[in-house]
Amino acid sequence: MDGVLALAGSAETGPVNIGGADEISMLELARRIVALTGSASRVRFVDRPVDDPGRRCPDTRLARERLGWRPRVGWSEGLERTIDWLARPAAA
Protein backbone atom coordinates (compact mmCIF):
# COMPACT_ATOMS: atom_id res chain seq x y z
CA MET A 1 0.00 0.00 0.00
CA ASP A 2 2.90 2.35 0.72
CA GLY A 3 3.95 2.15 -2.93
CA VAL A 4 0.47 3.06 -4.17
CA LEU A 5 0.33 6.04 -1.81
CA ALA A 6 3.85 7.17 -2.73
CA LEU A 7 2.96 7.05 -6.42
CA ALA A 8 -0.38 8.79 -5.93
CA GLY A 9 1.30 11.59 -3.98
CA SER A 10 4.04 12.08 -6.56
CA ALA A 11 4.26 14.06 -9.78
CA GLU A 12 5.06 10.91 -11.78
CA THR A 13 2.90 10.55 -14.89
CA GLY A 14 4.38 7.49 -16.54
CA PRO A 15 4.18 3.87 -15.54
CA VAL A 16 6.09 2.99 -12.38
CA ASN A 17 6.33 -0.62 -11.23
CA ILE A 18 5.40 -0.71 -7.58
CA GLY A 19 5.23 -4.47 -7.45
CA GLY A 20 7.94 -6.83 -6.42
CA ALA A 21 11.20 -7.31 -8.28
CA ASP A 22 11.01 -11.12 -8.31
CA GLU A 23 10.23 -12.78 -11.61
CA ILE A 24 7.71 -15.63 -11.35
CA SER A 25 5.60 -17.35 -13.96
CA MET A 26 1.82 -17.05 -14.03
CA LEU A 27 1.71 -20.85 -13.72
CA GLU A 28 3.75 -20.68 -10.51
CA LEU A 29 1.49 -17.93 -9.17
CA ALA A 30 -1.68 -19.82 -10.05
CA ARG A 31 -0.42 -23.04 -8.45
CA ARG A 32 0.58 -21.16 -5.29
CA ILE A 33 -2.88 -19.57 -5.02
CA VAL A 34 -4.58 -22.95 -5.43
CA ALA A 35 -2.32 -24.46 -2.77
CA LEU A 36 -2.71 -21.61 -0.26
CA THR A 37 -6.48 -21.47 -0.59
CA GLY A 38 -6.99 -25.23 -0.51
CA SER A 39 -8.98 -24.86 -3.70
CA ALA A 40 -9.95 -27.80 -5.87
CA SER A 41 -9.65 -25.51 -8.91
CA ARG A 42 -7.57 -26.65 -11.83
CA VAL A 43 -5.28 -24.29 -13.68
CA ARG A 44 -6.62 -23.71 -17.15
CA PHE A 45 -4.46 -22.60 -20.05
CA VAL A 46 -5.82 -20.13 -22.59
CA ASP A 47 -4.26 -18.54 -25.65
CA ARG A 48 -2.41 -15.32 -24.90
CA PRO A 49 -2.96 -12.19 -26.95
CA VAL A 50 -0.49 -11.92 -29.82
CA ASP A 51 1.31 -8.94 -28.25
CA ASP A 52 1.57 -10.48 -24.77
CA PRO A 53 5.21 -11.10 -23.84
CA GLY A 54 6.15 -14.65 -22.92
CA ARG A 55 8.38 -13.48 -20.10
CA ARG A 56 8.32 -10.46 -17.83
CA CYS A 57 11.13 -9.23 -15.62
CA PRO A 58 9.90 -6.60 -13.17
CA ASP A 59 12.01 -3.44 -12.86
CA THR A 60 11.39 -1.39 -9.72
CA ARG A 61 14.25 1.04 -10.36
CA LEU A 62 11.97 4.05 -10.96
CA ALA A 63 10.10 3.42 -7.73
CA ARG A 64 13.38 3.33 -5.81
CA GLU A 65 14.91 6.35 -7.53
CA ARG A 66 11.92 8.68 -7.87
CA LEU A 67 9.65 7.63 -5.01
CA GLY A 68 12.22 6.35 -2.52
CA TRP A 69 10.14 3.17 -2.30
CA ARG A 70 11.04 -0.49 -2.44
CA PRO A 71 9.04 -3.62 -1.61
CA ARG A 72 9.40 -4.82 1.98
CA VAL A 73 7.53 -8.11 1.54
CA GLY A 74 8.21 -10.79 -1.07
CA TRP A 75 5.50 -11.99 -3.43
CA SER A 76 4.89 -15.26 -1.60
CA GLU A 77 4.47 -13.66 1.82
CA GLY A 78 2.38 -10.86 0.32
CA LEU A 79 0.12 -13.42 -1.33
CA GLU A 80 -0.28 -15.30 1.95
CA ARG A 81 -1.16 -12.08 3.78
CA THR A 82 -3.67 -11.09 1.10
CA ILE A 83 -5.41 -14.48 1.17
CA ASP A 84 -5.56 -14.39 4.98
CA TRP A 85 -7.03 -10.87 4.87
CA LEU A 86 -9.63 -11.82 2.26
CA ALA A 87 -10.65 -14.89 4.30
CA ARG A 88 -11.49 -12.80 7.38
CA PRO A 89 -15.15 -12.08 8.04
CA ALA A 90 -16.22 -8.57 7.13
CA ALA A 91 -16.48 -6.12 10.01
CA ALA A 92 -20.04 -5.24 10.91
C-alpha atoms as a PDB file:
ATOM      1  CA  MET A   1       0.000   0.000   0.000  1.00  0.00           C
ATOM      2  CA  ASP A   2       2.896   2.345   0.718  1.00  0.00           C
ATOM      3  CA  GLY A   3       3.950   2.152  -2.928  1.00  0.00           C
ATOM      4  CA  VAL A   4       0.472   3.061  -4.168  1.00  0.00           C
ATOM      5  CA  LEU A   5       0.329   6.038  -1.807  1.00  0.00           C
ATOM      6  CA  ALA A   6       3.854   7.170  -2.735  1.00  0.00           C
ATOM      7  CA  LEU A   7       2.965   7.047  -6.423  1.00  0.00           C
ATOM      8  CA  ALA A   8      -0.377   8.795  -5.929  1.00  0.00           C
ATOM      9  CA  GLY A   9       1.305  11.592  -3.977  1.00  0.00           C
ATOM     10  CA  SER A  10       4.040  12.081  -6.559  1.00  0.00           C
ATOM     11  CA  ALA A  11       4.262  14.063  -9.777  1.00  0.00           C
ATOM     12  CA  GLU A  12       5.057  10.905 -11.784  1.00  0.00           C
ATOM     13  CA  THR A  13       2.901  10.552 -14.891  1.00  0.00           C
ATOM     14  CA  GLY A  14       4.381   7.486 -16.543  1.00  0.00           C
ATOM     15  CA  PRO A  15       4.179   3.866 -15.544  1.00  0.00           C
ATOM     16  CA  VAL A  16       6.089   2.995 -12.380  1.00  0.00           C
ATOM     17  CA  ASN A  17       6.327  -0.618 -11.234  1.00  0.00           C
ATOM     18  CA  ILE A  18       5.403  -0.709  -7.577  1.00  0.00           C
ATOM     19  CA  GLY A  19       5.233  -4.468  -7.451  1.00  0.00           C
ATOM     20  CA  GLY A  20       7.941  -6.833  -6.423  1.00  0.00           C
ATOM     21  CA  ALA A  21      11.199  -7.313  -8.280  1.00  0.00           C
ATOM     22  CA  ASP A  22      11.009 -11.124  -8.313  1.00  0.00           C
ATOM     23  CA  GLU A  23      10.229 -12.783 -11.611  1.00  0.00           C
ATOM     24  CA  ILE A  24       7.706 -15.626 -11.353  1.00  0.00           C
ATOM     25  CA  SER A  25       5.596 -17.353 -13.961  1.00  0.00           C
ATOM     26  CA  MET A  26       1.823 -17.051 -14.033  1.00  0.00           C
ATOM     27  CA  LEU A  27       1.713 -20.846 -13.723  1.00  0.00           C
ATOM     28  CA  GLU A  28       3.748 -20.682 -10.510  1.00  0.00           C
ATOM     29  CA  LEU A  29       1.492 -17.927  -9.172  1.00  0.00           C
ATOM     30  CA  ALA A  30      -1.680 -19.823 -10.053  1.00  0.00           C
ATOM     31  CA  ARG A  31      -0.415 -23.040  -8.454  1.00  0.00           C
ATOM     32  CA  ARG A  32       0.582 -21.156  -5.290  1.00  0.00           C
ATOM     33  CA  ILE A  33      -2.877 -19.566  -5.019  1.00  0.00           C
ATOM     34  CA  VAL A  34      -4.583 -22.954  -5.430  1.00  0.00           C
ATOM     35  CA  ALA A  35      -2.318 -24.460  -2.769  1.00  0.00           C
ATOM     36  CA  LEU A  36      -2.706 -21.607  -0.263  1.00  0.00           C
ATOM     37  CA  THR A  37      -6.479 -21.469  -0.588  1.00  0.00           C
ATOM     38  CA  GLY A  38      -6.995 -25.228  -0.512  1.00  0.00           C
ATOM     39  CA  SER A  39      -8.983 -24.862  -3.699  1.00  0.00           C
ATOM     40  CA  ALA A  40      -9.945 -27.800  -5.874  1.00  0.00           C
ATOM     41  CA  SER A  41      -9.653 -25.510  -8.909  1.00  0.00           C
ATOM     42  CA  ARG A  42      -7.567 -26.650 -11.827  1.00  0.00           C
ATOM     43  CA  VAL A  43      -5.280 -24.285 -13.676  1.00  0.00           C
ATOM     44  CA  ARG A  44      -6.622 -23.711 -17.152  1.00  0.00           C
ATOM     45  CA  PHE A  45      -4.465 -22.601 -20.046  1.00  0.00           C
ATOM     46  CA  VAL A  46      -5.817 -20.134 -22.585  1.00  0.00           C
ATOM     47  CA  ASP A  47      -4.257 -18.540 -25.649  1.00  0.00           C
ATOM     48  CA  ARG A  48      -2.414 -15.319 -24.900  1.00  0.00           C
ATOM     49  CA  PRO A  49      -2.963 -12.193 -26.954  1.00  0.00           C
ATOM     50  CA  VAL A  50      -0.488 -11.919 -29.820  1.00  0.00           C
ATOM     51  CA  ASP A  51       1.312  -8.936 -28.253  1.00  0.00           C
ATOM     52  CA  ASP A  52       1.565 -10.481 -24.770  1.00  0.00           C
ATOM     53  CA  PRO A  53       5.211 -11.100 -23.839  1.00  0.00           C
ATOM     54  CA  GLY A  54       6.151 -14.652 -22.922  1.00  0.00           C
ATOM     55  CA  ARG A  55       8.384 -13.477 -20.096  1.00  0.00           C
ATOM     56  CA  ARG A  56       8.323 -10.457 -17.827  1.00  0.00           C
ATOM     57  CA  CYS A  57      11.128  -9.235 -15.620  1.00  0.00           C
ATOM     58  CA  PRO A  58       9.904  -6.595 -13.173  1.00  0.00           C
ATOM     59  CA  ASP A  59      12.005  -3.441 -12.859  1.00  0.00           C
ATOM     60  CA  THR A  60      11.392  -1.389  -9.717  1.00  0.00           C
ATOM     61  CA  ARG A  61      14.254   1.040 -10.356  1.00  0.00           C
ATOM     62  CA  LEU A  62      11.972   4.048 -10.961  1.00  0.00           C
ATOM     63  CA  ALA A  63      10.097   3.417  -7.732  1.00  0.00           C
ATOM     64  CA  ARG A  64      13.383   3.327  -5.815  1.00  0.00           C
ATOM     65  CA  GLU A  65      14.910   6.349  -7.534  1.00  0.00           C
ATOM     66  CA  ARG A  66      11.924   8.676  -7.872  1.00  0.00           C
ATOM     67  CA  LEU A  67       9.655   7.631  -5.010  1.00  0.00           C
ATOM     68  CA  GLY A  68      12.216   6.345  -2.518  1.00  0.00           C
ATOM     69  CA  TRP A  69      10.140   3.169  -2.300  1.00  0.00           C
ATOM     70  CA  ARG A  70      11.042  -0.490  -2.437  1.00  0.00           C
ATOM     71  CA  PRO A  71       9.039  -3.617  -1.611  1.00  0.00           C
ATOM     72  CA  ARG A  72       9.399  -4.817   1.975  1.00  0.00           C
ATOM     73  CA  VAL A  73       7.534  -8.107   1.536  1.00  0.00           C
ATOM     74  CA  GLY A  74       8.213 -10.791  -1.066  1.00  0.00           C
ATOM     75  CA  TRP A  75       5.497 -11.988  -3.428  1.00  0.00           C
ATOM     76  CA  SER A  76       4.886 -15.260  -1.605  1.00  0.00           C
ATOM     77  CA  GLU A  77       4.470 -13.660   1.821  1.00  0.00           C
ATOM     78  CA  GLY A  78       2.382 -10.857   0.316  1.00  0.00           C
ATOM     79  CA  LEU A  79       0.118 -13.419  -1.333  1.00  0.00           C
ATOM     80  CA  GLU A  80      -0.283 -15.303   1.953  1.00  0.00           C
ATOM     81  CA  ARG A  81      -1.159 -12.079   3.784  1.00  0.00           C
ATOM     82  CA  THR A  82      -3.669 -11.089   1.101  1.00  0.00           C
ATOM     83  CA  ILE A  83      -5.406 -14.478   1.171  1.00  0.00           C
ATOM     84  CA  ASP A  84      -5.557 -14.388   4.982  1.00  0.00           C
ATOM     85  CA  TRP A  85      -7.025 -10.870   4.869  1.00  0.00           C
ATOM     86  CA  LEU A  86      -9.627 -11.824   2.258  1.00  0.00           C
ATOM     87  CA  ALA A  87     -10.652 -14.885   4.300  1.00  0.00           C
ATOM     88  CA  ARG A  88     -11.491 -12.801   7.378  1.00  0.00           C
ATOM     89  CA  PRO A  89     -15.151 -12.082   8.042  1.00  0.00           C
ATOM     90  CA  ALA A  90     -16.218  -8.566   7.132  1.00  0.00           C
ATOM     91  CA  ALA A  91     -16.479  -6.121  10.013  1.00  0.00           C
ATOM     92  CA  ALA A  92     -20.044  -5.239  10.908  1.00  0.00           C
END
